[in-house]
């Protein structure tokens, strides 16, 4: 059986244990979620604070920002929610069905 990379495993959806939970970023109720390290593990956040996010929000955050930016400038949910690029995304995603896993595109210029 092929071994999965650590990066892939960190983004893999975890079971919601029979109940919906809210994504801490978009606040939509979701049945599947991922755990996001607020300071990326590659930048020393292995044992730091984490947030529960829907897979779409988790992928979008990593598509918009580099790990260095996430570690230094956007290392909490309130800081992420206050960022103009994230706010624009949140305005859109909050209108979408919480059960849908939506396509995410990498930004041309990651911050």
Protein backbone atom coordinates (compact mmCIF):
# COMPACT_ATOMS: atom_id res chain seq x y z
CA UNK A 1 0.00 0.00 0.00
CA UNK A 2 1.50 3.39 -0.98
CA UNK A 3 2.45 5.72 1.82
CA UNK A 4 0.63 9.07 1.93
CA UNK A 5 2.58 12.26 2.38
CA UNK A 6 2.21 14.17 5.65
CA UNK A 7 0.88 17.20 3.72
CA UNK A 8 -1.93 15.12 2.18
CA UNK A 9 -2.89 13.59 5.51
CA UNK A 10 -3.15 16.99 7.20
CA UNK A 11 -5.72 18.17 4.64
CA UNK A 12 -7.72 14.96 4.63
CA UNK A 13 -11.25 15.26 5.99
CA UNK A 14 -11.91 13.68 9.36
CA UNK A 15 -15.20 12.06 10.36
CA UNK A 16 -17.61 14.33 12.21
CA UNK A 17 -18.54 11.56 14.67
CA UNK A 18 -22.24 11.48 13.83
CA UNK A 19 -22.98 15.18 14.23
CA UNK A 20 -22.48 18.39 12.31
CA UNK A 21 -20.00 20.95 13.52
CA UNK A 22 -19.45 24.53 12.43
CA UNK A 23 -16.45 25.57 10.38
CA UNK A 24 -14.61 28.11 12.53
CA UNK A 25 -13.79 30.26 9.50
CA UNK A 26 -17.00 30.43 7.44
CA UNK A 27 -19.33 29.42 10.33
CA UNK A 28 -21.33 27.06 8.09
CA UNK A 29 -22.49 23.76 9.63
CA UNK A 30 -20.57 20.91 7.97
CA UNK A 31 -20.56 17.14 8.32
CA UNK A 32 -16.88 16.82 7.30
CA UNK A 33 -14.04 18.94 8.59
CA UNK A 34 -10.27 19.25 8.70
CA UNK A 35 -7.94 20.47 11.40
CA UNK A 36 -5.95 23.57 10.42
CA UNK A 37 -2.75 24.46 12.30
CA UNK A 38 -3.01 28.23 12.78
CA UNK A 39 0.80 28.38 12.64
CA UNK A 40 1.79 25.91 9.89
CA UNK A 41 3.68 22.86 11.09
CA UNK A 42 6.53 23.71 8.72
CA UNK A 43 6.91 27.01 10.60
CA UNK A 44 6.97 25.47 14.08
CA UNK A 45 3.26 25.20 14.81
CA UNK A 46 3.12 21.44 15.28
CA UNK A 47 1.87 21.70 18.87
CA UNK A 48 0.28 25.14 18.56
CA UNK A 49 -3.35 26.20 18.29
CA UNK A 50 -5.61 24.55 15.75
CA UNK A 51 -8.97 25.35 14.17
CA UNK A 52 -11.71 23.12 12.79
CA UNK A 53 -12.45 24.07 9.16
CA UNK A 54 -14.49 22.69 6.33
CA UNK A 55 -12.27 21.22 3.58
CA UNK A 56 -13.10 24.09 1.21
CA UNK A 57 -12.04 26.83 3.64
CA UNK A 58 -8.88 24.94 4.58
CA UNK A 59 -7.82 24.54 0.97
CA UNK A 60 -8.74 28.15 0.18
CA UNK A 61 -6.59 29.55 3.00
CA UNK A 62 -3.58 27.58 1.78
CA UNK A 63 -4.27 28.58 -1.83
CA UNK A 64 -4.36 32.29 -0.97
CA UNK A 65 -1.42 32.57 1.42
CA UNK A 66 2.09 31.22 1.83
CA UNK A 67 3.00 29.37 5.01
CA UNK A 68 5.24 32.29 6.02
CA UNK A 69 2.30 34.73 5.78
CA UNK A 70 0.02 32.39 7.70
CA UNK A 71 2.61 31.99 10.46
CA UNK A 72 3.48 35.69 10.84
CA UNK A 73 0.33 37.62 9.96
CA UNK A 74 -2.72 35.34 9.87
CA UNK A 75 -2.23 32.99 12.81
CA UNK A 76 -5.72 33.23 14.33
CA UNK A 77 -9.30 32.93 13.12
CA UNK A 78 -10.10 36.64 13.79
CA UNK A 79 -7.02 37.71 11.80
CA UNK A 80 -8.03 35.44 8.91
CA UNK A 81 -11.61 36.70 8.96
CA UNK A 82 -10.44 40.34 8.97
CA UNK A 83 -8.22 39.89 5.90
CA UNK A 84 -9.81 41.51 2.79
CA UNK A 85 -9.05 38.52 0.53
CA UNK A 86 -10.59 36.10 3.03
CA UNK A 87 -13.59 38.38 3.63
CA UNK A 88 -14.34 38.39 -0.10
CA UNK A 89 -14.14 34.58 -0.14
CA UNK A 90 -16.34 34.32 2.99
CA UNK A 91 -19.02 36.56 1.45
CA UNK A 92 -19.25 34.06 -1.40
CA UNK A 93 -18.86 30.75 0.45
CA UNK A 94 -21.46 31.54 3.11
CA UNK A 95 -24.09 31.45 0.34
CA UNK A 96 -23.08 27.89 -0.62
CA UNK A 97 -24.40 24.60 0.77
CA UNK A 98 -22.36 23.48 3.79
CA UNK A 99 -22.26 19.89 2.59
CA UNK A 100 -20.73 20.75 -0.77
CA UNK A 101 -17.01 20.46 -1.33
CA UNK A 102 -16.21 23.28 -3.68
CA UNK A 103 -13.37 23.72 -6.14
CA UNK A 104 -10.52 25.94 -5.00
CA UNK A 105 -8.01 27.63 -7.29
CA UNK A 106 -4.56 28.75 -6.24
CA UNK A 107 -4.09 32.51 -6.32
CA UNK A 108 -1.73 33.92 -8.96
CA UNK A 109 0.09 35.86 -6.25
CA UNK A 110 0.05 34.17 -2.87
CA UNK A 111 0.52 36.58 0.00
